[in-house]
Amino acid sequence: EAMKYVVEEILGVAKVERWTYRDEDVVVRDEVHILVEVKSRVSEGDVAELNRKARLYEKVTGIEPKFLIIGGLMDSNAWEAARRLNVELRPIISA
């Protein structure tokens, strides 16, 4: 709900909805569909898992999504996997 509020109400750029297909994920869609994961710690396995979900989303919907993980601590293997699998990582920067 927080993601929906930020994207739809504050930014006003897209529609946010929950996409369920044996799992629950957030999809931001406008012209581009974006699968978003928010995690406190991001590992190589998390990146690979989101990549698998994106491939499933593409297979089911016929739309190739972009994918983004927003997280706190990101290990070096996560960065390498993200580069290899074309997953965008955005660190949470605390003030």
N, C-alpha and C. Protein backbone atom coordinates (compact mmCIF):
# COMPACT_ATOMS: atom_id res chain seq x y z
N GLU A 1 0.82 -1.19 0.00
CA GLU A 1 0.00 0.00 0.00
C GLU A 1 0.87 1.26 0.00
N ALA A 2 2.00 1.22 0.71
CA ALA A 2 2.89 2.37 0.74
C ALA A 2 3.47 2.64 -0.65
N MET A 3 3.88 1.57 -1.33
CA MET A 3 4.42 1.70 -2.69
C MET A 3 3.35 2.28 -3.61
N LYS A 4 2.13 1.78 -3.49
CA LYS A 4 1.03 2.27 -4.31
C LYS A 4 0.81 3.77 -4.09
N TYR A 5 0.80 4.20 -2.84
CA TYR A 5 0.61 5.60 -2.52
C TYR A 5 1.70 6.47 -3.15
N VAL A 6 2.96 6.06 -2.98
CA VAL A 6 4.07 6.85 -3.52
C VAL A 6 3.99 6.94 -5.04
N VAL A 7 3.80 5.83 -5.70
CA VAL A 7 3.82 5.83 -7.17
C VAL A 7 2.59 6.49 -7.76
N GLU A 8 1.40 6.16 -7.25
CA GLU A 8 0.18 6.70 -7.84
C GLU A 8 -0.15 8.10 -7.37
N GLU A 9 -0.09 8.35 -6.07
CA GLU A 9 -0.54 9.62 -5.53
C GLU A 9 0.54 10.71 -5.55
N ILE A 10 1.73 10.38 -5.08
CA ILE A 10 2.78 11.40 -5.00
C ILE A 10 3.42 11.62 -6.37
N LEU A 11 3.83 10.54 -7.02
CA LEU A 11 4.50 10.68 -8.32
C LEU A 11 3.50 10.79 -9.46
N GLY A 12 2.34 10.15 -9.33
CA GLY A 12 1.31 10.22 -10.36
C GLY A 12 1.75 9.67 -11.70
N VAL A 13 2.59 8.63 -11.71
CA VAL A 13 3.17 8.18 -12.97
C VAL A 13 2.66 6.84 -13.45
N ALA A 14 2.03 6.05 -12.62
CA ALA A 14 1.66 4.71 -13.05
C ALA A 14 0.60 4.14 -12.14
N LYS A 15 0.17 2.95 -12.48
CA LYS A 15 -0.78 2.21 -11.66
C LYS A 15 -0.02 1.09 -10.96
N VAL A 16 -0.27 0.90 -9.68
CA VAL A 16 0.37 -0.16 -8.92
C VAL A 16 -0.69 -1.19 -8.58
N GLU A 17 -0.35 -2.45 -8.79
CA GLU A 17 -1.28 -3.51 -8.44
C GLU A 17 -0.51 -4.74 -7.99
N ARG A 18 -1.17 -5.61 -7.28
CA ARG A 18 -0.55 -6.86 -6.85
C ARG A 18 -0.82 -7.89 -7.93
N TRP A 19 0.22 -8.57 -8.36
CA TRP A 19 0.09 -9.61 -9.37
C TRP A 19 0.32 -10.94 -8.67
N THR A 20 -0.67 -11.82 -8.72
CA THR A 20 -0.56 -13.09 -8.03
C THR A 20 -0.57 -14.22 -9.04
N TYR A 21 0.45 -15.04 -8.96
CA TYR A 21 0.56 -16.24 -9.76
C TYR A 21 1.40 -17.21 -8.95
N ARG A 22 0.75 -17.86 -7.99
CA ARG A 22 1.42 -18.75 -7.04
C ARG A 22 2.39 -18.00 -6.12
N ASP A 23 2.32 -16.70 -6.10
CA ASP A 23 3.18 -15.88 -5.27
C ASP A 23 2.58 -14.48 -5.30
N GLU A 24 3.05 -13.59 -4.46
CA GLU A 24 2.58 -12.22 -4.49
C GLU A 24 3.75 -11.29 -4.70
N ASP A 25 3.62 -10.42 -5.69
CA ASP A 25 4.65 -9.44 -5.99
C ASP A 25 3.97 -8.14 -6.38
N VAL A 26 4.73 -7.08 -6.33
CA VAL A 26 4.22 -5.78 -6.75
C VAL A 26 4.68 -5.53 -8.17
N VAL A 27 3.74 -5.07 -9.00
CA VAL A 27 4.05 -4.70 -10.37
C VAL A 27 3.64 -3.25 -10.56
N VAL A 28 4.55 -2.43 -11.04
CA VAL A 28 4.25 -1.06 -11.39
C VAL A 28 4.13 -1.04 -12.90
N ARG A 29 2.98 -0.59 -13.41
CA ARG A 29 2.85 -0.61 -14.86
C ARG A 29 2.30 0.70 -15.38
N ASP A 30 2.84 1.09 -16.47
CA ASP A 30 2.44 2.24 -17.23
C ASP A 30 2.77 1.81 -18.65
N GLU A 31 3.69 2.46 -19.30
CA GLU A 31 4.18 1.98 -20.58
C GLU A 31 5.10 0.78 -20.37
N VAL A 32 5.78 0.77 -19.23
CA VAL A 32 6.73 -0.27 -18.90
C VAL A 32 6.23 -0.99 -17.65
N HIS A 33 6.32 -2.30 -17.62
CA HIS A 33 5.96 -3.06 -16.43
C HIS A 33 7.23 -3.30 -15.63
N ILE A 34 7.17 -3.01 -14.33
CA ILE A 34 8.34 -3.14 -13.46
C ILE A 34 7.97 -4.00 -12.26
N LEU A 35 8.68 -5.10 -12.06
CA LEU A 35 8.51 -5.91 -10.86
C LEU A 35 9.43 -5.35 -9.81
N VAL A 36 8.90 -5.11 -8.61
CA VAL A 36 9.67 -4.46 -7.55
C VAL A 36 9.71 -5.36 -6.32
N GLU A 37 10.90 -5.57 -5.78
CA GLU A 37 11.10 -6.26 -4.51
C GLU A 37 11.75 -5.27 -3.56
N VAL A 38 11.31 -5.25 -2.32
CA VAL A 38 11.93 -4.41 -1.30
C VAL A 38 12.42 -5.35 -0.20
N LYS A 39 13.72 -5.30 0.08
CA LYS A 39 14.33 -6.22 1.03
C LYS A 39 15.30 -5.46 1.92
N SER A 40 15.46 -5.94 3.15
CA SER A 40 16.44 -5.30 4.04
C SER A 40 17.86 -5.73 3.67
N ARG A 41 18.01 -6.96 3.22
CA ARG A 41 19.32 -7.48 2.80
C ARG A 41 19.13 -8.18 1.46
N VAL A 42 20.03 -7.92 0.52
CA VAL A 42 19.90 -8.48 -0.82
C VAL A 42 21.09 -9.39 -1.11
N SER A 43 20.78 -10.61 -1.51
CA SER A 43 21.82 -11.58 -1.82
C SER A 43 21.75 -11.97 -3.30
N GLU A 44 22.72 -12.72 -3.74
CA GLU A 44 22.73 -13.24 -5.10
C GLU A 44 21.47 -14.08 -5.36
N GLY A 45 21.05 -14.85 -4.37
CA GLY A 45 19.84 -15.67 -4.49
C GLY A 45 18.59 -14.83 -4.69
N ASP A 46 18.52 -13.67 -4.03
CA ASP A 46 17.37 -12.78 -4.20
C ASP A 46 17.29 -12.25 -5.62
N VAL A 47 18.44 -11.93 -6.19
CA VAL A 47 18.49 -11.43 -7.56
C VAL A 47 18.04 -12.53 -8.52
N ALA A 48 18.54 -13.74 -8.32
CA ALA A 48 18.16 -14.87 -9.17
C ALA A 48 16.67 -15.17 -9.06
N GLU A 49 16.12 -15.08 -7.84
CA GLU A 49 14.70 -15.33 -7.63
C GLU A 49 13.84 -14.31 -8.37
N LEU A 50 14.20 -13.05 -8.30
CA LEU A 50 13.43 -12.03 -9.01
C LEU A 50 13.54 -12.24 -10.52
N ASN A 51 14.69 -12.65 -10.99
CA ASN A 51 14.84 -12.95 -12.41
C ASN A 51 13.90 -14.08 -12.83
N ARG A 52 13.77 -15.13 -12.00
CA ARG A 52 12.84 -16.22 -12.31
C ARG A 52 11.40 -15.73 -12.33
N LYS A 53 11.05 -14.87 -11.38
CA LYS A 53 9.69 -14.32 -11.34
C LYS A 53 9.41 -13.48 -12.58
N ALA A 54 10.42 -12.72 -13.01
CA ALA A 54 10.25 -11.89 -14.21
C ALA A 54 10.03 -12.75 -15.44
N ARG A 55 10.76 -13.85 -15.54
CA ARG A 55 10.59 -14.76 -16.68
C ARG A 55 9.19 -15.39 -16.65
N LEU A 56 8.69 -15.75 -15.46
CA LEU A 56 7.34 -16.28 -15.33
C LEU A 56 6.32 -15.22 -15.72
N TYR A 57 6.50 -14.00 -15.25
CA TYR A 57 5.59 -12.90 -15.60
C TYR A 57 5.53 -12.72 -17.11
N GLU A 58 6.69 -12.76 -17.75
CA GLU A 58 6.76 -12.61 -19.21
C GLU A 58 6.05 -13.76 -19.91
N LYS A 59 6.24 -14.97 -19.42
CA LYS A 59 5.61 -16.14 -20.03
C LYS A 59 4.09 -16.07 -19.91
N VAL A 60 3.59 -15.66 -18.74
CA VAL A 60 2.15 -15.62 -18.49
C VAL A 60 1.47 -14.44 -19.18
N THR A 61 2.11 -13.26 -19.13
CA THR A 61 1.46 -12.05 -19.65
C THR A 61 1.87 -11.70 -21.07
N GLY A 62 3.01 -12.24 -21.52
CA GLY A 62 3.53 -11.87 -22.84
C GLY A 62 4.24 -10.53 -22.85
N ILE A 63 4.48 -9.97 -21.67
CA ILE A 63 5.13 -8.66 -21.54
C ILE A 63 6.44 -8.84 -20.79
N GLU A 64 7.54 -8.37 -21.39
CA GLU A 64 8.83 -8.45 -20.73
C GLU A 64 8.96 -7.30 -19.73
N PRO A 65 9.05 -7.61 -18.44
CA PRO A 65 9.13 -6.54 -17.45
C PRO A 65 10.58 -6.13 -17.19
N LYS A 66 10.72 -4.96 -16.62
CA LYS A 66 11.99 -4.57 -16.02
C LYS A 66 11.87 -5.03 -14.57
N PHE A 67 13.00 -5.18 -13.89
CA PHE A 67 12.91 -5.59 -12.51
C PHE A 67 13.90 -4.82 -11.66
N LEU A 68 13.44 -4.56 -10.44
CA LEU A 68 14.14 -3.67 -9.53
C LEU A 68 14.09 -4.24 -8.12
N ILE A 69 15.23 -4.24 -7.46
CA ILE A 69 15.28 -4.59 -6.04
C ILE A 69 15.76 -3.36 -5.29
N ILE A 70 14.97 -2.95 -4.30
CA ILE A 70 15.34 -1.85 -3.42
C ILE A 70 15.72 -2.48 -2.10
N GLY A 71 16.91 -2.18 -1.60
CA GLY A 71 17.32 -2.86 -0.39
C GLY A 71 18.33 -2.12 0.43
N GLY A 72 18.54 -2.63 1.62
CA GLY A 72 19.53 -2.08 2.54
C GLY A 72 20.90 -2.62 2.20
N LEU A 73 21.33 -3.62 2.92
CA LEU A 73 22.64 -4.22 2.73
C LEU A 73 22.62 -5.11 1.50
N MET A 74 23.56 -4.85 0.57
CA MET A 74 23.64 -5.64 -0.66
C MET A 74 25.04 -6.25 -0.73
N ASP A 75 25.10 -7.58 -0.79
CA ASP A 75 26.42 -8.19 -0.84
C ASP A 75 27.01 -8.11 -2.25
N SER A 76 28.32 -8.28 -2.34
CA SER A 76 29.01 -8.11 -3.62
C SER A 76 28.53 -9.10 -4.67
N ASN A 77 28.17 -10.31 -4.27
CA ASN A 77 27.64 -11.28 -5.22
C ASN A 77 26.30 -10.84 -5.80
N ALA A 78 25.52 -10.10 -5.02
CA ALA A 78 24.24 -9.59 -5.52
C ALA A 78 24.47 -8.59 -6.64
N TRP A 79 25.47 -7.72 -6.47
CA TRP A 79 25.78 -6.74 -7.51
C TRP A 79 26.21 -7.42 -8.81
N GLU A 80 27.04 -8.46 -8.68
CA GLU A 80 27.52 -9.18 -9.86
C GLU A 80 26.36 -9.90 -10.56
N ALA A 81 25.49 -10.56 -9.78
CA ALA A 81 24.34 -11.26 -10.36
C ALA A 81 23.39 -10.26 -11.02
N ALA A 82 23.20 -9.12 -10.40
CA ALA A 82 22.32 -8.10 -10.97
C ALA A 82 22.86 -7.60 -12.32
N ARG A 83 24.15 -7.41 -12.39
CA ARG A 83 24.75 -6.98 -13.65
C ARG A 83 24.55 -8.05 -14.72
N ARG A 84 24.78 -9.28 -14.35
CA ARG A 84 24.68 -10.40 -15.28
C ARG A 84 23.24 -10.64 -15.76
N LEU A 85 22.26 -10.46 -14.86
CA LEU A 85 20.86 -10.76 -15.16
C LEU A 85 20.04 -9.52 -15.52
N ASN A 86 20.70 -8.37 -15.57
CA ASN A 86 20.04 -7.12 -15.92
C ASN A 86 18.93 -6.74 -14.93
N VAL A 87 19.22 -6.94 -13.65
CA VAL A 87 18.33 -6.55 -12.57
C VAL A 87 18.86 -5.24 -11.99
N GLU A 88 17.99 -4.26 -11.85
CA GLU A 88 18.43 -2.98 -11.27
C GLU A 88 18.39 -3.08 -9.75
N LEU A 89 19.48 -2.67 -9.12
CA LEU A 89 19.55 -2.61 -7.66
C LEU A 89 19.59 -1.14 -7.22
N ARG A 90 18.79 -0.81 -6.23
CA ARG A 90 18.80 0.54 -5.68
C ARG A 90 18.96 0.43 -4.17
N PRO A 91 20.08 0.88 -3.65
CA PRO A 91 20.26 0.82 -2.20
C PRO A 91 19.41 1.85 -1.48
N ILE A 92 18.96 1.47 -0.30
CA ILE A 92 18.26 2.41 0.57
C ILE A 92 19.35 3.18 1.30
N ILE A 93 19.34 4.47 1.17
CA ILE A 93 20.35 5.29 1.81
C ILE A 93 19.72 5.95 3.02
N SER A 94 20.25 5.67 4.19
CA SER A 94 19.70 6.28 5.39
C SER A 94 20.37 7.61 5.65
N ALA A 95 19.59 8.49 6.24
CA ALA A 95 20.11 9.84 6.51
C ALA A 95 20.90 9.89 7.79
